Amino acid sequence: MLISMTGFGRAECQDEDYTYQAEVRSVNNRFIEINTRLPKAYADLEQPLKKLVKSYCSRGSLSLTISIANSNENSGEWEVKPNLQLATQYVEALNQIRDSLGLVGEIDLKSLVGLRDIIKIEPLAIDPAKNEMILNMAAEALASLQKMKAEEGANLQKDLAQRIEAIEGHAAEIESKHPLVIVEYQEKLKERIKSLNEGLDLDEARLAQETALLADRCDITEEITRLRSHLNQFRSFFKTKEPIGRKLEFITQEINREVNTTGSKSSDITISNRVIEMKSELEKIREQVQNIE
């Protein structure tokens, strides 16, 4: 079954006064790229979280966000604390200045509030025991992401199967039309020679030779055989459980190669039209395959 690289997953858990939330988004990428946004208190979890993401996803550009909020809906990532030690030093210093210079006045809260670093804003102190909870929540979000990617992959597979079937149909038409092209060429060549020779007898041996040369030059038997093989191989990947996006990209290139060769070997308008239709389907397949993990 095909898996898309596009999806979204979300999970949430409650612990005391705090709500923890994990969100993960994924879009297509040739390789795997993981970006994380974490509260500073959980910076040490960046590598374990990236390892967790890789255990679920093999390709794609993924963004994982962990957020914390407290019960009154304010951010739970920071704590505001008084720097009492520094404030004490400020008061002592201000008292010394007042006494040394013979100044008057009291040192009150207004005198201190504007001084630098009196108030400290620090990352929320987190119990290391909560790390496991965060990892489990992220795993739940990733499982939700994978479910959405599988649903999208099923839709992609249905679309690709229809386009592969359409190419097979065009190839069958080309294969049935090709022998007639040789006969039509032979008849046209015969009529042309007659007109040039003003009705004189034809050299049947030479006509047969020219026809044979054309048949050899325009023979597409091998191309059609390889094309069918590639199409069957493409379809067989629908049953695999491993990531096969890159393999499908390669097979698509090989299908395109056979279609181009088939087109270059024929000047018949019907065959040319079928080749154009196959190329149109292949272009859509190429776009879809880029979204497959």
C-alpha atoms as a PDB file:
ATOM      1  CA  MET A   1       0.000   0.000   0.000  1.00  0.00           C
ATOM      2  CA  LEU A   2       1.276   3.439  -0.887  1.00  0.00           C
ATOM      3  CA  ILE A   3       1.949   6.023   1.833  1.00  0.00           C
ATOM      4  CA  SER A   4       1.753   9.740   1.110  1.00  0.00           C
ATOM      5  CA  MET A   5       4.345  12.165   2.462  1.00  0.00           C
ATOM      6  CA  THR A   6       1.674  14.781   3.187  1.00  0.00           C
ATOM      7  CA  GLY A   7      -0.200  14.753   6.467  1.00  0.00           C
ATOM      8  CA  PHE A   8      -0.896  16.209   9.899  1.00  0.00           C
ATOM      9  CA  GLY A   9      -1.042  14.665  13.342  1.00  0.00           C
ATOM     10  CA  ARG A  10      -1.920  16.005  16.782  1.00  0.00           C
ATOM     11  CA  ALA A  11      -1.996  14.736  20.364  1.00  0.00           C
ATOM     12  CA  GLU A  12      -2.670  16.314  23.742  1.00  0.00           C
ATOM     13  CA  CYS A  13      -2.348  15.354  27.394  1.00  0.00           C
ATOM     14  CA  GLN A  14      -3.082  16.976  30.767  1.00  0.00           C
ATOM     15  CA  ASP A  15      -0.770  16.904  33.785  1.00  0.00           C
ATOM     16  CA  GLU A  16      -1.716  18.842  36.903  1.00  0.00           C
ATOM     17  CA  ASP A  17      -2.183  22.499  35.904  1.00  0.00           C
ATOM     18  CA  TYR A  18      -0.522  22.139  32.497  1.00  0.00           C
ATOM     19  CA  THR A  19      -1.743  21.039  29.090  1.00  0.00           C
ATOM     20  CA  TYR A  20       0.850  19.531  26.752  1.00  0.00           C
ATOM     21  CA  GLN A  21       0.310  19.431  23.006  1.00  0.00           C
ATOM     22  CA  ALA A  22       2.227  17.863  20.108  1.00  0.00           C
ATOM     23  CA  GLU A  23       1.648  18.743  16.459  1.00  0.00           C
ATOM     24  CA  VAL A  24       3.484  17.241  13.499  1.00  0.00           C
ATOM     25  CA  ARG A  25       3.175  18.270   9.855  1.00  0.00           C
ATOM     26  CA  SER A  26       4.697  16.569   6.836  1.00  0.00           C
ATOM     27  CA  VAL A  27       5.160  17.584   3.199  1.00  0.00           C
ATOM     28  CA  ASN A  28       7.052  15.934   0.372  1.00  0.00           C
ATOM     29  CA  ASN A  29      10.832  15.956   0.237  1.00  0.00           C
ATOM     30  CA  ARG A  30      13.295  13.778  -1.627  1.00  0.00           C
ATOM     31  CA  PHE A  31      15.033  12.935   1.649  1.00  0.00           C
ATOM     32  CA  ILE A  32      14.032  13.242   5.310  1.00  0.00           C
ATOM     33  CA  GLU A  33      14.248  16.615   7.016  1.00  0.00           C
ATOM     34  CA  ILE A  34      13.078  17.143  10.598  1.00  0.00           C
ATOM     35  CA  ASN A  35      12.550  20.480  12.324  1.00  0.00           C
ATOM     36  CA  THR A  36      11.513  20.734  15.973  1.00  0.00           C
ATOM     37  CA  ARG A  37      10.091  23.552  18.070  1.00  0.00           C
ATOM     38  CA  LEU A  38      10.344  22.808  21.775  1.00  0.00           C
ATOM     39  CA  PRO A  39      10.024  24.698  25.057  1.00  0.00           C
ATOM     40  CA  LYS A  40      13.488  25.529  26.343  1.00  0.00           C
ATOM     41  CA  ALA A  41      12.905  23.222  29.271  1.00  0.00           C
ATOM     42  CA  TYR A  42      12.685  20.314  26.831  1.00  0.00           C
ATOM     43  CA  ALA A  43      15.674  21.202  24.652  1.00  0.00           C
ATOM     44  CA  ASP A  44      17.378  17.952  25.674  1.00  0.00           C
ATOM     45  CA  LEU A  45      14.553  16.010  24.034  1.00  0.00           C
ATOM     46  CA  GLU A  46      15.354  17.274  20.527  1.00  0.00           C
ATOM     47  CA  GLN A  47      17.480  14.297  19.505  1.00  0.00           C
ATOM     48  CA  PRO A  48      15.225  11.610  21.070  1.00  0.00           C
ATOM     49  CA  LEU A  49      12.250  13.218  19.310  1.00  0.00           C
ATOM     50  CA  LYS A  50      14.033  13.274  15.950  1.00  0.00           C
ATOM     51  CA  LYS A  51      14.933   9.614  16.421  1.00  0.00           C
ATOM     52  CA  LEU A  52      11.278   8.901  17.182  1.00  0.00           C
ATOM     53  CA  VAL A  53      10.160  10.695  14.012  1.00  0.00           C
ATOM     54  CA  LYS A  54      12.592   8.627  11.910  1.00  0.00           C
ATOM     55  CA  SER A  55      11.124   5.434  13.352  1.00  0.00           C
ATOM     56  CA  TYR A  56       7.783   6.440  11.796  1.00  0.00           C
ATOM     57  CA  CYS A  57       8.830   8.264   8.613  1.00  0.00           C
ATOM     58  CA  SER A  58      11.534   7.536   6.041  1.00  0.00           C
ATOM     59  CA  ARG A  59      11.034  10.538   3.727  1.00  0.00           C
ATOM     60  CA  GLY A  60       9.499  13.982   3.874  1.00  0.00           C
ATOM     61  CA  SER A  61       9.979  17.386   5.407  1.00  0.00           C
ATOM     62  CA  LEU A  62       8.549  17.169   8.918  1.00  0.00           C
ATOM     63  CA  SER A  63       7.886  19.835  11.520  1.00  0.00           C
ATOM     64  CA  LEU A  64       7.262  18.760  15.134  1.00  0.00           C
ATOM     65  CA  THR A  65       6.025  21.314  17.685  1.00  0.00           C
ATOM     66  CA  ILE A  66       5.692  20.697  21.431  1.00  0.00           C
ATOM     67  CA  SER A  67       3.848  23.371  23.412  1.00  0.00           C
ATOM     68  CA  ILE A  68       2.798  23.837  27.037  1.00  0.00           C
ATOM     69  CA  ALA A  69      -0.023  25.954  28.433  1.00  0.00           C
ATOM     70  CA  ASN A  70      -1.228  26.347  32.011  1.00  0.00           C
ATOM     71  CA  SER A  71      -4.825  26.264  33.199  1.00  0.00           C
ATOM     72  CA  ASN A  72      -5.413  30.023  32.854  1.00  0.00           C
ATOM     73  CA  GLU A  73      -4.376  29.842  29.179  1.00  0.00           C
ATOM     74  CA  ASN A  74      -1.050  31.616  29.614  1.00  0.00           C
ATOM     75  CA  SER A  75       2.133  30.127  28.247  1.00  0.00           C
ATOM     76  CA  GLY A  76       3.567  27.504  30.515  1.00  0.00           C
ATOM     77  CA  GLU A  77       7.067  27.675  29.085  1.00  0.00           C
ATOM     78  CA  TRP A  78       8.438  30.368  31.403  1.00  0.00           C
ATOM     79  CA  GLU A  79       8.605  31.222  35.094  1.00  0.00           C
ATOM     80  CA  VAL A  80       8.994  34.756  36.500  1.00  0.00           C
ATOM     81  CA  LYS A  81      11.103  34.887  39.674  1.00  0.00           C
ATOM     82  CA  PRO A  82      12.566  37.680  41.843  1.00  0.00           C
ATOM     83  CA  ASN A  83      16.345  37.869  41.956  1.00  0.00           C
ATOM     84  CA  LEU A  84      16.490  38.417  45.713  1.00  0.00           C
ATOM     85  CA  GLN A  85      20.254  38.140  45.975  1.00  0.00           C
ATOM     86  CA  LEU A  86      20.786  40.840  43.374  1.00  0.00           C
ATOM     87  CA  ALA A  87      18.019  43.020  44.842  1.00  0.00           C
ATOM     88  CA  THR A  88      19.722  42.880  48.241  1.00  0.00           C
ATOM     89  CA  GLN A  89      22.989  44.020  46.681  1.00  0.00           C
ATOM     90  CA  TYR A  90      21.158  46.868  44.910  1.00  0.00           C
ATOM     91  CA  VAL A  91      19.603  48.065  48.232  1.00  0.00           C
ATOM     92  CA  GLU A  92      22.963  47.969  49.995  1.00  0.00           C
ATOM     93  CA  ALA A  93      24.599  49.865  47.140  1.00  0.00           C
ATOM     94  CA  LEU A  94      21.839  52.515  47.072  1.00  0.00           C
ATOM     95  CA  ASN A  95      22.046  52.966  50.866  1.00  0.00           C
ATOM     96  CA  GLN A  96      25.809  53.479  50.588  1.00  0.00           C
ATOM     97  CA  ILE A  97      25.328  56.089  47.862  1.00  0.00           C
ATOM     98  CA  ARG A  98      22.708  57.929  49.953  1.00  0.00           C
ATOM     99  CA  ASP A  99      24.789  57.901  53.133  1.00  0.00           C
ATOM    100  CA  SER A 100      28.062  58.806  51.412  1.00  0.00           C
ATOM    101  CA  LEU A 101      26.571  61.757  49.572  1.00  0.00           C
ATOM    102  CA  GLY A 102      24.343  62.937  52.421  1.00  0.00           C
ATOM    103  CA  LEU A 103      21.165  62.371  50.446  1.00  0.00           C
ATOM    104  CA  VAL A 104      17.688  61.843  51.880  1.00  0.00           C
ATOM    105  CA  GLY A 105      14.973  59.421  50.884  1.00  0.00           C
ATOM    106  CA  GLU A 106      13.888  55.860  51.404  1.00  0.00           C
ATOM    107  CA  ILE A 107      14.710  52.881  49.202  1.00  0.00           C
ATOM    108  CA  ASP A 108      11.332  51.448  48.202  1.00  0.00           C
ATOM    109  CA  LEU A 109       9.946  49.055  45.572  1.00  0.00           C
ATOM    110  CA  LYS A 110       9.675  51.822  42.978  1.00  0.00           C
ATOM    111  CA  SER A 111      13.379  52.470  43.356  1.00  0.00           C
ATOM    112  CA  LEU A 112      14.162  48.841  42.549  1.00  0.00           C
ATOM    113  CA  VAL A 113      11.645  47.766  39.928  1.00  0.00           C
ATOM    114  CA  GLY A 114      13.428  49.422  37.030  1.00  0.00           C
ATOM    115  CA  LEU A 115      16.864  48.093  37.904  1.00  0.00           C
ATOM    116  CA  ARG A 116      18.384  45.497  35.593  1.00  0.00           C
ATOM    117  CA  ASP A 117      17.838  41.792  36.280  1.00  0.00           C
ATOM    118  CA  ILE A 118      15.787  42.323  39.431  1.00  0.00           C
ATOM    119  CA  ILE A 119      13.170  40.064  37.870  1.00  0.00           C
ATOM    120  CA  LYS A 120      14.323  36.789  36.297  1.00  0.00           C
ATOM    121  CA  ILE A 121      12.463  35.049  33.465  1.00  0.00           C
ATOM    122  CA  GLU A 122      13.557  31.443  33.307  1.00  0.00           C
ATOM    123  CA  PRO A 123      12.426  28.346  31.447  1.00  0.00           C
ATOM    124  CA  LEU A 124       9.825  26.407  33.324  1.00  0.00           C
ATOM    125  CA  ALA A 125      11.438  23.917  35.677  1.00  0.00           C
ATOM    126  CA  ILE A 126      10.359  20.524  34.396  1.00  0.00           C
ATOM    127  CA  ASP A 127      10.390  17.245  36.204  1.00  0.00           C
ATOM    128  CA  PRO A 128      12.614  14.913  34.119  1.00  0.00           C
ATOM    129  CA  ALA A 129      10.046  12.196  34.762  1.00  0.00           C
ATOM    130  CA  LYS A 130       7.743  14.050  32.354  1.00  0.00           C
ATOM    131  CA  ASN A 131      10.102  13.394  29.447  1.00  0.00           C
ATOM    132  CA  GLU A 132       8.566   9.971  28.898  1.00  0.00           C
ATOM    133  CA  MET A 133       5.130  11.552  28.848  1.00  0.00           C
ATOM    134  CA  ILE A 134       6.253  14.007  26.145  1.00  0.00           C
ATOM    135  CA  LEU A 135       7.749  11.211  24.025  1.00  0.00           C
ATOM    136  CA  ASN A 136       4.593   9.128  24.333  1.00  0.00           C
ATOM    137  CA  MET A 137       2.474  12.117  23.328  1.00  0.00           C
ATOM    138  CA  ALA A 138       4.725  12.750  20.298  1.00  0.00           C
ATOM    139  CA  ALA A 139       4.391   9.085  19.322  1.00  0.00           C
ATOM    140  CA  GLU A 140       0.607   9.429  19.473  1.00  0.00           C
ATOM    141  CA  ALA A 141       0.773  12.484  17.182  1.00  0.00           C
ATOM    142  CA  LEU A 142       3.016  10.583  14.761  1.00  0.00           C
ATOM    143  CA  ALA A 143       0.584   7.658  14.721  1.00  0.00           C
ATOM    144  CA  SER A 144      -2.177  10.118  13.829  1.00  0.00           C
ATOM    145  CA  LEU A 145       0.049  11.540  11.087  1.00  0.00           C
ATOM    146  CA  GLN A 146       0.684   8.060   9.671  1.00  0.00           C
ATOM    147  CA  LYS A 147      -3.037   7.317   9.588  1.00  0.00           C
ATOM    148  CA  MET A 148      -3.675  10.440   7.520  1.00  0.00           C
ATOM    149  CA  LYS A 149      -0.720   9.657   5.237  1.00  0.00           C
ATOM    150  CA  ALA A 150      -2.079   6.136   4.670  1.00  0.00           C
ATOM    151  CA  GLU A 151      -5.518   7.502   3.745  1.00  0.00           C
ATOM    152  CA  GLU A 152      -3.965   9.961   1.312  1.00  0.00           C
ATOM    153  CA  GLY A 153      -1.727   7.177  -0.028  1.00  0.00           C
ATOM    154  CA  ALA A 154      -4.791   5.037  -0.761  1.00  0.00           C
ATOM    155  CA  ASN A 155      -6.238   7.865  -2.852  1.00  0.00           C
ATOM    156  CA  LEU A 156      -2.943   8.280  -4.705  1.00  0.00           C
ATOM    157  CA  GLN A 157      -2.785   4.543  -5.374  1.00  0.00           C
ATOM    158  CA  LYS A 158      -6.287   4.550  -6.850  1.00  0.00           C
ATOM    159  CA  ASP A 159      -5.397   7.441  -9.140  1.00  0.00           C
ATOM    160  CA  LEU A 160      -2.088   5.886 -10.230  1.00  0.00           C
ATOM    161  CA  ALA A 161      -3.733   2.520 -10.930  1.00  0.00           C
ATOM    162  CA  GLN A 162      -6.204   4.203 -13.265  1.00  0.00           C
ATOM    163  CA  ARG A 163      -3.432   6.035 -15.117  1.00  0.00           C
ATOM    164  CA  ILE A 164      -1.326   2.865 -15.478  1.00  0.00           C
ATOM    165  CA  GLU A 165      -4.389   1.107 -16.893  1.00  0.00           C
ATOM    166  CA  ALA A 166      -4.906   3.981 -19.332  1.00  0.00           C
ATOM    167  CA  ILE A 167      -1.305   3.688 -20.562  1.00  0.00           C
ATOM    168  CA  GLU A 168      -1.770  -0.056 -21.015  1.00  0.00           C
ATOM    169  CA  GLY A 169      -4.839   0.634 -23.127  1.00  0.00           C
ATOM    170  CA  HIS A 170      -2.952   3.087 -25.349  1.00  0.00           C
ATOM    171  CA  ALA A 171      -0.072   0.603 -25.709  1.00  0.00           C
ATOM    172  CA  ALA A 172      -2.508  -2.118 -26.805  1.00  0.00           C
ATOM    173  CA  GLU A 173      -3.940   0.203 -29.463  1.00  0.00           C
ATOM    174  CA  ILE A 174      -0.443   1.010 -30.721  1.00  0.00           C
ATOM    175  CA  GLU A 175       0.474  -2.668 -30.863  1.00  0.00           C
ATOM    176  CA  SER A 176      -2.652  -3.554 -32.875  1.00  0.00           C
ATOM    177  CA  LYS A 177      -2.207  -0.586 -35.194  1.00  0.00           C
ATOM    178  CA  HIS A 178       1.491  -1.107 -35.920  1.00  0.00           C
ATOM    179  CA  PRO A 179       1.174  -4.015 -38.453  1.00  0.00           C
ATOM    180  CA  LEU A 180      -1.371  -1.985 -40.397  1.00  0.00           C
ATOM    181  CA  VAL A 181       1.094   0.891 -40.586  1.00  0.00           C
ATOM    182  CA  ILE A 182       3.532  -1.329 -42.512  1.00  0.00           C
ATOM    183  CA  VAL A 183       0.793  -2.443 -44.920  1.00  0.00           C
ATOM    184  CA  GLU A 184      -0.359   1.139 -45.430  1.00  0.00           C
ATOM    185  CA  TYR A 185       3.228   2.201 -46.091  1.00  0.00           C
ATOM    186  CA  GLN A 186       3.650  -0.570 -48.639  1.00  0.00           C
ATOM    187  CA  GLU A 187       0.476   0.482 -50.480  1.00  0.00           C
ATOM    188  CA  LYS A 188       1.479   4.144 -50.473  1.00  0.00           C
ATOM    189  CA  LEU A 189       4.951   3.273 -51.713  1.00  0.00           C
ATOM    190  CA  LYS A 190       3.484   1.106 -54.477  1.00  0.00           C
ATOM    191  CA  GLU A 191       1.171   3.901 -55.625  1.00  0.00           C
ATOM    192  CA  ARG A 192       3.988   6.419 -55.575  1.00  0.00           C
ATOM    193  CA  ILE A 193       6.266   4.212 -57.651  1.00  0.00           C
ATOM    194  CA  LYS A 194       3.496   3.614 -60.180  1.00  0.00           C
ATOM    195  CA  SER A 195       2.899   7.318 -60.549  1.00  0.00           C
ATOM    196  CA  LEU A 196       6.604   7.958 -61.052  1.00  0.00           C
ATOM    197  CA  ASN A 197       6.978   5.110 -63.542  1.00  0.00           C
ATOM    198  CA  GLU A 198       3.854   6.115 -65.423  1.00  0.00           C
ATOM    199  CA  GLY A 199       2.144   2.798 -64.835  1.00  0.00           C
ATOM    200  CA  LEU A 200       5.081   0.499 -65.604  1.00  0.00           C
ATOM    201  CA  ASP A 201       5.403  -2.806 -63.790  1.00  0.00           C
ATOM    202  CA  LEU A 202       6.776  -2.673 -60.258  1.00  0.00           C
ATOM    203  CA  ASP A 203       9.896  -4.396 -59.058  1.00  0.00           C
ATOM    204  CA  GLU A 204       8.171  -6.498 -56.410  1.00  0.00           C
ATOM    205  CA  ALA A 205      11.480  -7.658 -54.960  1.00  0.00           C
ATOM    206  CA  ARG A 206      12.649  -4.079 -54.434  1.00  0.00           C
ATOM    207  CA  LEU A 207       9.270  -3.119 -52.979  1.00  0.00           C
ATOM    208  CA  ALA A 208       9.464  -6.026 -50.557  1.00  0.00           C
ATOM    209  CA  GLN A 209      12.988  -5.003 -49.590  1.00  0.00           C
ATOM    210  CA  GLU A 210      11.962  -1.384 -48.871  1.00  0.00           C
ATOM    211  CA  THR A 211       8.999  -2.583 -46.877  1.00  0.00           C
ATOM    212  CA  ALA A 212      11.199  -4.937 -44.853  1.00  0.00           C
ATOM    213  CA  LEU A 213      13.638  -2.122 -44.104  1.00  0.00           C
ATOM    214  CA  LEU A 214      10.832   0.070 -42.846  1.00  0.00           C
ATOM    215  CA  ALA A 215       9.386  -2.749 -40.768  1.00  0.00           C
ATOM    216  CA  ASP A 216      12.773  -3.322 -39.149  1.00  0.00           C
ATOM    217  CA  ARG A 217      13.401   0.359 -38.550  1.00  0.00           C
ATOM    218  CA  CYS A 218       9.934   0.918 -37.056  1.00  0.00           C
ATOM    219  CA  ASP A 219       9.681  -2.327 -35.093  1.00  0.00           C
ATOM    220  CA  ILE A 220       8.387  -1.522 -31.582  1.00  0.00           C
ATOM    221  CA  THR A 221       7.969  -5.082 -30.314  1.00  0.00           C
ATOM    222  CA  GLU A 222      10.769  -4.760 -27.766  1.00  0.00           C
ATOM    223  CA  GLU A 223       9.564  -1.356 -26.586  1.00  0.00           C
ATOM    224  CA  ILE A 224       6.011  -2.588 -26.044  1.00  0.00           C
ATOM    225  CA  THR A 225       7.287  -5.687 -24.222  1.00  0.00           C
ATOM    226  CA  ARG A 226       9.478  -3.617 -21.890  1.00  0.00           C
ATOM    227  CA  LEU A 227       6.694  -1.097 -21.402  1.00  0.00           C
ATOM    228  CA  ARG A 228       4.289  -3.811 -20.262  1.00  0.00           C
ATOM    229  CA  SER A 229       6.940  -5.191 -17.928  1.00  0.00           C
ATOM    230  CA  HIS A 230       7.516  -1.779 -16.338  1.00  0.00           C
ATOM    231  CA  LEU A 231       3.794  -1.183 -15.944  1.00  0.00           C
ATOM    232  CA  ASN A 232       3.354  -4.551 -14.222  1.00  0.00           C
ATOM    233  CA  GLN A 233       6.317  -3.826 -11.962  1.00  0.00           C
ATOM    234  CA  PHE A 234       4.864  -0.417 -11.101  1.00  0.00           C
ATOM    235  CA  ARG A 235       1.573  -2.041 -10.159  1.00  0.00           C
ATOM    236  CA  SER A 236       3.297  -4.740  -8.090  1.00  0.00           C
ATOM    237  CA  PHE A 237       4.704  -2.083  -5.754  1.00  0.00           C
ATOM    238  CA  PHE A 238       1.168  -1.329  -4.587  1.00  0.00           C
ATOM    239  CA  LYS A 239       1.339  -4.506  -2.491  1.00  0.00           C
ATOM    240  CA  THR A 240       4.599  -3.719  -0.674  1.00  0.00           C
ATOM    241  CA  LYS A 241       4.695  -2.351   2.872  1.00  0.00           C
ATOM    242  CA  GLU A 242       8.070  -0.644   2.651  1.00  0.00           C
ATOM    243  CA  PRO A 243       8.621   2.923   1.362  1.00  0.00           C
ATOM    244  CA  ILE A 244       8.835   2.714  -2.439  1.00  0.00           C
ATOM    245  CA  GLY A 245       8.534   6.317  -3.627  1.00  0.00           C
ATOM    246  CA  ARG A 246      12.045   6.408  -5.104  1.00  0.00           C
ATOM    247  CA  LYS A 247      11.538   3.083  -6.864  1.00  0.00           C
ATOM    248  CA  LEU A 248       8.354   4.376  -8.435  1.00  0.00           C
ATOM    249  CA  GLU A 249      10.218   7.465  -9.618  1.00  0.00           C
ATOM    250  CA  PHE A 250      12.801   5.243 -11.321  1.00  0.00           C
ATOM    251  CA  ILE A 251      10.181   2.985 -12.935  1.00  0.00           C
ATOM    252  CA  THR A 252       8.334   6.079 -14.183  1.00  0.00           C
ATOM    253  CA  GLN A 253      11.523   7.233 -15.910  1.00  0.00           C
ATOM    254  CA  GLU A 254      11.900   3.833 -17.576  1.00  0.00           C
ATOM    255  CA  ILE A 255       8.280   3.883 -18.759  1.00  0.00           C
ATOM    256  CA  ASN A 256       8.852   7.331 -20.207  1.00  0.00           C
ATOM    257  CA  ARG A 257      11.947   6.080 -22.034  1.00  0.00           C
ATOM    258  CA  GLU A 258       9.991   3.311 -23.780  1.00  0.00           C
ATOM    259  CA  VAL A 259       7.146   5.660 -24.687  1.00  0.00           C
ATOM    260  CA  ASN A 260       9.578   8.162 -26.228  1.00  0.00           C
ATOM    261  CA  THR A 261      11.286   5.454 -28.259  1.00  0.00           C
ATOM    262  CA  THR A 262       7.939   4.154 -29.473  1.00  0.00           C
ATOM    263  CA  GLY A 263       6.965   7.637 -30.590  1.00  0.00           C
ATOM    264  CA  SER A 264      10.243   8.226 -32.387  1.00  0.00           C
ATOM    265  CA  LYS A 265       9.834   5.010 -34.405  1.00  0.00           C
ATOM    266  CA  SER A 266       6.487   5.874 -35.926  1.00  0.00           C
ATOM    267  CA  SER A 267       5.145   8.682 -38.075  1.00  0.00           C
ATOM    268  CA  ASP A 268       1.581   7.363 -38.085  1.00  0.00           C
ATOM    269  CA  ILE A 269      -0.862   9.964 -36.770  1.00  0.00           C
ATOM    270  CA  THR A 270      -2.904   7.457 -34.749  1.00  0.00           C
ATOM    271  CA  ILE A 271       0.159   6.051 -32.990  1.00  0.00           C
ATOM    272  CA  SER A 272       1.503   9.566 -32.422  1.00  0.00           C
ATOM    273  CA  ASN A 273      -1.762  10.556 -30.753  1.00  0.00           C
ATOM    274  CA  ARG A 274      -1.652   7.509 -28.482  1.00  0.00           C
ATOM    275  CA  VAL A 275       1.955   8.370 -27.536  1.00  0.00           C
ATOM    276  CA  ILE A 276       0.859  11.911 -26.649  1.00  0.00           C
ATOM    277  CA  GLU A 277      -1.888  10.495 -24.434  1.00  0.00           C
ATOM    278  CA  MET A 278       0.614   8.220 -22.689  1.00  0.00           C
ATOM    279  CA  LYS A 279       2.975  11.134 -22.082  1.00  0.00           C
ATOM    280  CA  SER A 280       0.120  13.141 -20.605  1.00  0.00           C
ATOM    281  CA  GLU A 281      -0.670  10.330 -18.174  1.00  0.00           C
ATOM    282  CA  LEU A 282       3.022   9.936 -17.325  1.00  0.00           C
ATOM    283  CA  GLU A 283       3.363  13.612 -16.476  1.00  0.00           C
ATOM    284  CA  LYS A 284       0.522  13.279 -13.970  1.00  0.00           C
ATOM    285  CA  ILE A 285       2.048  10.071 -12.608  1.00  0.00           C
ATOM    286  CA  ARG A 286       5.396  11.809 -12.164  1.00  0.00           C
ATOM    287  CA  GLU A 287       3.732  14.570 -10.123  1.00  0.00           C
ATOM    288  CA  GLN A 288       1.863  12.093  -7.933  1.00  0.00           C
ATOM    289  CA  VAL A 289       4.865   9.844  -7.335  1.00  0.00           C
ATOM    290  CA  GLN A 290       6.777  12.781  -5.835  1.00  0.00           C
ATOM    291  CA  ASN A 291       4.274  12.748  -2.959  1.00  0.00           C
ATOM    292  CA  ILE A 292       4.806   9.077  -2.115  1.00  0.00           C
ATOM    293  CA  GLU A 293       7.043   8.065   0.792  1.00  0.00           C
END
